[in-house]
């Protein structure tokens, strides 16, 4: 029988602002009806990466029939951008993502946390922001600017309530993390108030550029690193078969590595992980638990309510 996550430990640390939630694609599907198919003309929930890749591949007449190509969203988006232009790809992504999707139980749970926190997500949707707005909880938004070449070495920062972002260099971002919750969109975002601020790390070239900036410490604001050093990590909706995530974790390895008597726990919730996933998480000193995220969130909420 699988070992269950330490819900009490995770919730206590999360509610004290001592956990960094990392939200991957699977985190946006918590609460999606089981077995439901995404309908692009009348969407009621977000598409998966596979569903989005198939839509774009069909529209662009993607030349490969190999499933390894057709299912690769970054490769499909690179082709789409090549034949129609980056602005057209960005417009199409906005058409798909700019709907009123409902925040899931995970997003609502994080919006219940009392202490200031840093939430990192590689998702483009704004479900986490909408959950905070609904709960009346303030937050600052920080976004990696994939589509703004004129500020390629900066980040976009919306202080709470701001209509327009600032564009400071990553080492000049000035936020008091002891008082302010920050949502950091590592791979860009849809911006509901203005399409000119939409940003997407989604093509193969985008990922290469992002990883290049990661190695030069200009992708993640320097302000976050001391904060990471003193906190646990909670990975939700990720698989380490994603090479991009492995590079991100390599960059964060000093904060996940063993810290002697002061070692802090970190966790990954992943349903039916492969043996490779287990080994890769273990090498990064992250305890992995085989559990659907929906179930994990339900049990964590029970802990919160008790």
Protein backbone atom coordinates (compact mmCIF):
# COMPACT_ATOMS: atom_id res chain seq x y z
CA UNK A 1 0.00 0.00 0.00
CA UNK A 2 1.48 3.39 -0.97
CA UNK A 3 2.78 5.60 1.83
CA UNK A 4 0.66 8.72 2.22
CA UNK A 5 2.07 12.25 2.32
CA UNK A 6 2.52 13.91 5.76
CA UNK A 7 -0.55 16.13 5.38
CA UNK A 8 -0.19 17.72 8.80
CA UNK A 9 3.45 18.65 8.27
CA UNK A 10 2.78 20.01 4.78
CA UNK A 11 -0.24 22.07 5.83
CA UNK A 12 1.43 23.48 8.96
CA UNK A 13 4.46 24.64 6.98
CA UNK A 14 2.35 25.84 4.05
CA UNK A 15 0.10 27.90 6.34
CA UNK A 16 3.17 29.49 7.93
CA UNK A 17 4.54 30.52 4.52
CA UNK A 18 7.37 28.00 4.79
CA UNK A 19 6.58 26.10 1.57
CA UNK A 20 7.14 27.14 -2.07
CA UNK A 21 4.34 25.59 -4.18
CA UNK A 22 5.49 24.78 -7.73
CA UNK A 23 2.46 24.30 -9.99
CA UNK A 24 2.80 22.35 -13.22
CA UNK A 25 0.28 21.51 -15.94
CA UNK A 26 -1.43 18.84 -13.86
CA UNK A 27 -2.25 21.41 -11.18
CA UNK A 28 -4.67 23.18 -13.53
CA UNK A 29 -6.66 19.97 -14.08
CA UNK A 30 -7.65 19.45 -10.45
CA UNK A 31 -11.44 19.31 -10.53
CA UNK A 32 -11.68 18.58 -14.28
CA UNK A 33 -14.53 16.08 -14.87
CA UNK A 34 -13.08 12.61 -15.22
CA UNK A 35 -13.11 11.37 -18.80
CA UNK A 36 -14.41 14.68 -20.17
CA UNK A 37 -13.18 15.82 -23.57
CA UNK A 38 -12.07 19.38 -24.20
CA UNK A 39 -14.29 21.20 -26.71
CA UNK A 40 -12.41 24.11 -28.36
CA UNK A 41 -15.61 25.79 -29.61
CA UNK A 42 -17.41 25.68 -26.24
CA UNK A 43 -14.66 25.17 -23.65
CA UNK A 44 -15.63 24.80 -20.01
CA UNK A 45 -12.15 23.86 -18.82
CA UNK A 46 -8.57 24.24 -19.98
CA UNK A 47 -7.04 21.97 -22.62
CA UNK A 48 -4.19 19.67 -21.79
CA UNK A 49 -0.88 20.19 -23.57
CA UNK A 50 -1.72 17.19 -25.76
CA UNK A 51 -5.16 18.58 -26.68
CA UNK A 52 -3.70 21.98 -27.49
CA UNK A 53 -0.92 20.41 -29.59
CA UNK A 54 -3.46 18.44 -31.63
CA UNK A 55 -5.59 21.55 -32.26
CA UNK A 56 -2.64 23.65 -33.42
CA UNK A 57 -1.14 20.82 -35.47
CA UNK A 58 -4.43 20.39 -37.34
CA UNK A 59 -4.77 24.12 -38.03
CA UNK A 60 -1.19 24.45 -39.27
CA UNK A 61 -1.23 21.18 -41.22
CA UNK A 62 1.78 20.00 -39.25
CA UNK A 63 3.80 17.86 -41.69
CA UNK A 64 4.62 14.92 -39.42
CA UNK A 65 2.27 12.07 -38.55
CA UNK A 66 4.63 10.63 -35.95
CA UNK A 67 2.89 10.78 -32.53
CA UNK A 68 6.20 11.78 -30.95
CA UNK A 69 6.05 14.95 -33.05
CA UNK A 70 2.29 15.54 -33.02
CA UNK A 71 2.14 15.27 -29.22
CA UNK A 72 5.07 17.63 -28.70
CA UNK A 73 3.48 21.03 -27.99
CA UNK A 74 6.78 22.95 -28.22
CA UNK A 75 7.60 21.41 -31.60
CA UNK A 76 4.09 22.02 -32.97
CA UNK A 77 4.15 25.64 -31.76
CA UNK A 78 7.54 26.20 -33.37
CA UNK A 79 6.11 25.07 -36.71
CA UNK A 80 2.93 27.11 -36.21
CA UNK A 81 5.04 30.21 -35.51
CA UNK A 82 7.31 29.56 -38.48
CA UNK A 83 4.48 29.37 -41.02
CA UNK A 84 2.10 31.99 -39.59
CA UNK A 85 4.26 34.29 -37.46
CA UNK A 86 4.65 34.75 -33.72
CA UNK A 87 1.81 37.32 -33.40
CA UNK A 88 -0.68 34.87 -34.95
CA UNK A 89 0.42 32.09 -32.58
CA UNK A 90 0.09 34.45 -29.63
CA UNK A 91 -3.39 35.55 -30.77
CA UNK A 92 -4.52 31.92 -31.14
CA UNK A 93 -3.24 31.02 -27.69
CA UNK A 94 -5.17 33.96 -26.28
CA UNK A 95 -8.35 32.80 -28.04
CA UNK A 96 -7.97 29.38 -26.41
CA UNK A 97 -6.97 30.56 -22.93
CA UNK A 98 -8.95 33.79 -22.50
CA UNK A 99 -12.15 32.23 -21.19
CA UNK A 100 -13.70 32.26 -17.74
CA UNK A 101 -12.40 28.95 -16.47
CA UNK A 102 -13.13 28.03 -12.87
CA UNK A 103 -10.29 27.91 -10.38
CA UNK A 104 -9.89 24.44 -8.92
CA UNK A 105 -9.77 23.23 -5.31
CA UNK A 106 -5.97 23.49 -5.29
CA UNK A 107 -5.97 27.17 -6.27
CA UNK A 108 -8.67 27.93 -3.69
CA UNK A 109 -6.73 26.09 -1.02
CA UNK A 110 -3.58 28.12 -1.68
CA UNK A 111 -5.67 31.31 -1.50
CA UNK A 112 -6.64 30.28 2.06
CA UNK A 113 -3.04 30.37 3.29
CA UNK A 114 -2.70 33.13 5.87
CA UNK A 115 1.02 33.87 5.58
CA UNK A 116 2.71 35.61 2.62
CA UNK A 117 4.00 33.05 0.13
CA UNK A 118 5.84 32.74 -3.17
CA UNK A 119 3.93 30.54 -5.63
CA UNK A 120 5.80 29.48 -8.77
CA UNK A 121 3.89 28.19 -11.79
CA UNK A 122 4.79 27.23 -15.33
CA UNK A 123 1.13 27.46 -16.40
CA UNK A 124 -0.16 30.21 -18.70
CA UNK A 125 -3.68 30.32 -17.23
CA UNK A 126 -4.73 32.75 -14.51
CA UNK A 127 -6.60 30.26 -12.30
CA UNK A 128 -4.38 30.94 -9.29
CA UNK A 129 -4.78 34.71 -9.67
CA UNK A 130 -8.57 34.38 -9.96
CA UNK A 131 -8.68 32.28 -6.79
CA UNK A 132 -6.82 35.00 -4.87
CA UNK A 133 -9.06 37.73 -6.27
CA UNK A 134 -12.20 35.78 -5.33
CA UNK A 135 -10.85 35.25 -1.81
CA UNK A 136 -10.00 38.96 -1.51
CA UNK A 137 -6.32 38.17 -0.95
CA UNK A 138 -3.72 40.63 -2.33
CA UNK A 139 -0.75 39.46 -4.37
CA UNK A 140 1.96 40.80 -6.66
CA UNK A 141 2.36 39.21 -10.09
CA UNK A 142 5.82 38.63 -11.60
CA UNK A 143 6.11 37.24 -15.15
CA UNK A 144 8.99 36.06 -17.32
CA UNK A 145 8.63 38.19 -20.54
CA UNK A 146 9.05 35.71 -23.38
CA UNK A 147 7.35 37.90 -25.98
CA UNK A 148 8.83 41.28 -25.06
CA UNK A 149 12.20 41.41 -26.78
CA UNK A 150 12.71 45.07 -25.84
CA UNK A 151 12.85 44.00 -22.17
CA UNK A 152 14.44 40.61 -22.74
CA UNK A 153 16.69 40.97 -19.69
CA UNK A 154 13.94 42.12 -17.34
CA UNK A 155 10.85 40.73 -15.66
CA UNK A 156 7.31 42.08 -15.69
CA UNK A 157 6.02 43.07 -12.25
CA UNK A 158 2.47 44.06 -11.40
CA UNK A 159 2.26 45.29 -7.79
CA UNK A 160 -1.13 44.42 -6.33
CA UNK A 161 -3.87 46.37 -8.10
CA UNK A 162 -1.59 47.85 -10.78
CA UNK A 163 -2.99 48.04 -14.33
CA UNK A 164 0.42 48.34 -16.02
CA UNK A 165 3.57 46.42 -15.12
CA UNK A 166 7.03 47.67 -14.19
CA UNK A 167 9.99 46.07 -15.99
CA UNK A 168 12.92 45.89 -13.55
CA UNK A 169 16.02 43.80 -14.09
CA UNK A 170 15.71 40.48 -12.23
CA UNK A 171 18.30 41.59 -9.64
CA UNK A 172 16.46 44.89 -9.06
CA UNK A 173 13.01 43.53 -8.23
CA UNK A 174 12.09 45.12 -4.89
CA UNK A 175 9.33 43.30 -2.98
CA UNK A 176 9.12 42.66 0.76
CA UNK A 177 8.49 38.91 0.72
CA UNK A 178 7.83 38.87 4.46
CA UNK A 179 4.67 40.92 3.83
CA UNK A 180 3.68 40.25 0.22
CA UNK A 181 2.42 37.15 -1.58
CA UNK A 182 4.00 36.80 -5.03
CA UNK A 183 2.77 34.68 -7.93
CA UNK A 184 5.72 34.07 -10.26
CA UNK A 185 4.75 32.93 -13.77
CA UNK A 186 7.98 31.32 -14.92
CA UNK A 187 6.82 30.51 -18.46
CA UNK A 188 4.66 33.55 -19.16
CA UNK A 189 0.93 34.14 -18.79
CA UNK A 190 -2.32 35.25 -20.32
CA UNK A 191 -3.14 38.79 -19.15
CA UNK A 192 -6.88 39.27 -19.12
CA UNK A 193 -6.72 43.08 -18.96
CA UNK A 194 -4.56 43.52 -22.06
CA UNK A 195 -3.36 41.23 -24.83
CA UNK A 196 -0.19 43.33 -25.32
CA UNK A 197 1.17 41.78 -22.12
CA UNK A 198 0.52 38.14 -23.05
CA UNK A 199 3.71 36.08 -22.89
CA UNK A 200 4.32 32.42 -23.63
CA UNK A 201 7.38 30.20 -23.30
CA UNK A 202 5.91 27.60 -25.63
CA UNK A 203 8.09 27.01 -28.73
CA UNK A 204 11.34 25.06 -28.77
CA UNK A 205 13.18 28.33 -29.32
CA UNK A 206 11.43 29.87 -26.30
CA UNK A 207 12.62 27.07 -24.06
CA UNK A 208 16.18 27.40 -25.31
CA UNK A 209 16.10 31.14 -24.59
CA UNK A 210 14.56 30.60 -21.16
CA UNK A 211 17.14 28.00 -20.21
CA UNK A 212 19.91 30.26 -21.48
CA UNK A 213 18.69 33.02 -19.18
CA UNK A 214 18.37 30.51 -16.38
CA UNK A 215 22.06 29.65 -16.59
CA UNK A 216 22.98 33.35 -16.44
CA UNK A 217 20.65 33.96 -13.46
CA UNK A 218 18.41 36.37 -15.38
CA UNK A 219 15.29 34.18 -15.59
CA UNK A 220 14.48 33.92 -11.88
CA UNK A 221 14.67 37.16 -9.84
CA UNK A 222 17.59 37.16 -7.40
CA UNK A 223 15.17 38.26 -4.67
CA UNK A 224 13.67 34.77 -4.55
CA UNK A 225 16.84 32.76 -3.94
CA UNK A 226 17.40 33.60 -0.22
CA UNK A 227 13.68 32.95 0.28
CA UNK A 228 14.02 29.51 -1.35
CA UNK A 229 16.92 28.62 0.92
CA UNK A 230 14.75 28.74 4.03
CA UNK A 231 11.71 26.89 2.74
CA UNK A 232 10.42 23.52 1.62
CA UNK A 233 9.23 22.89 -1.93
CA UNK A 234 5.92 21.27 -2.94
CA UNK A 235 5.79 20.12 -6.58
CA UNK A 236 2.29 19.56 -7.97
CA UNK A 237 1.47 18.50 -11.52
CA UNK A 238 5.01 17.76 -12.70
CA UNK A 239 6.88 14.78 -14.05
CA UNK A 240 10.66 14.72 -14.17
CA UNK A 241 10.42 13.20 -17.62
CA UNK A 242 10.09 16.88 -18.60
CA UNK A 243 13.70 17.84 -19.38
CA UNK A 244 12.89 21.51 -18.98
CA UNK A 245 11.89 20.94 -15.35
CA UNK A 246 15.07 18.97 -14.74
CA UNK A 247 17.14 21.96 -15.86
CA UNK A 248 15.12 24.25 -13.57
CA UNK A 249 15.71 21.89 -10.67
CA UNK A 250 19.41 21.74 -11.45
CA UNK A 251 19.44 25.52 -11.10
CA UNK A 252 17.66 25.15 -7.75
CA UNK A 253 19.76 22.20 -6.62
CA UNK A 254 21.59 24.18 -3.95
CA UNK A 255 18.23 24.77 -2.25
CA UNK A 256 17.10 21.14 -2.54
CA UNK A 257 20.40 19.58 -1.54
CA UNK A 258 21.08 18.14 1.89
CA UNK A 259 21.64 20.86 4.45
CA UNK A 260 23.07 18.84 7.33
CA UNK A 261 21.16 19.17 10.58
CA UNK A 262 19.14 22.00 9.02
CA UNK A 263 17.84 19.90 6.10
CA UNK A 264 14.30 20.86 5.12
CA UNK A 265 11.77 18.45 3.59
CA UNK A 266 10.42 18.83 0.06
CA UNK A 267 7.65 16.83 -1.61
CA UNK A 268 6.30 15.92 -5.05
CA UNK A 269 2.77 14.62 -5.59
CA UNK A 270 2.60 12.55 -8.78
CA UNK A 271 0.13 9.84 -9.72
CA UNK A 272 1.71 6.54 -10.73
CA UNK A 273 5.29 7.80 -11.12
CA UNK A 274 7.72 5.67 -13.08
CA UNK A 275 10.79 4.17 -11.46
CA UNK A 276 12.81 6.79 -13.32
CA UNK A 277 10.71 9.58 -11.78
CA UNK A 278 11.23 8.11 -8.31
CA UNK A 279 14.99 7.96 -8.82
CA UNK A 280 15.19 11.48 -10.26
CA UNK A 281 13.14 13.04 -7.45
CA UNK A 282 15.12 11.09 -4.86
CA UNK A 283 18.43 12.38 -6.23
CA UNK A 284 17.13 15.88 -5.63
CA UNK A 285 16.16 15.09 -2.03
CA UNK A 286 12.46 15.38 -2.83
CA UNK A 287 10.10 12.79 -1.33
CA UNK A 288 7.66 11.61 -4.00
CA UNK A 289 4.18 10.31 -3.19
CA UNK A 290 2.05 8.26 -5.57
CA UNK A 291 -1.32 10.00 -5.35
CA UNK A 292 -3.75 11.87 -7.63
CA UNK A 293 -3.53 15.61 -6.96
CA UNK A 294 -7.33 15.77 -6.44
CA UNK A 295 -7.07 13.29 -3.59
CA UNK A 296 -4.07 15.06 -2.09
CA UNK A 297 -5.88 18.42 -2.13
CA UNK A 298 -9.02 16.91 -0.57
CA UNK A 299 -7.02 15.43 2.31
CA UNK A 300 -4.96 18.57 2.78
CA UNK A 301 -8.17 20.61 3.00
CA UNK A 302 -9.48 18.26 5.67
CA UNK A 303 -6.30 18.93 7.64
CA UNK A 304 -6.83 22.67 7.18
CA UNK A 305 -10.41 22.46 8.48
CA UNK A 306 -9.54 20.40 11.56
